[in-house]
């Protein structure tokens, strides 16, 4: 992977993670770096899932359906990570 590919993955991950946090109701107690990490993983998994579902992922423009799948996967990821981190923090403060 080239440096441009790495930077692009980080930017897309940040956007997908941020969109997931906007869509997910309530407050998520996770930091921006974890949001970006979840977004990067979700973007990769979302692309693979979109391809498996038959959604075209290599088009000349913006792949809106692929982006939708990525955001849905990211919402699930942010909810899981936020729930796990929130539970861990609440156990420590008791």
Foldseek 3Di string as FASTA:
>chain_A
DDPVVVVVLLVQLLVLLVLLCVVADDDFPDDSVVSSVLSSVLLVVLQVVCVVVVQDDDDPDDRVVSSVSSSVSSNVSSVVVSVVVVVVVVVVVD
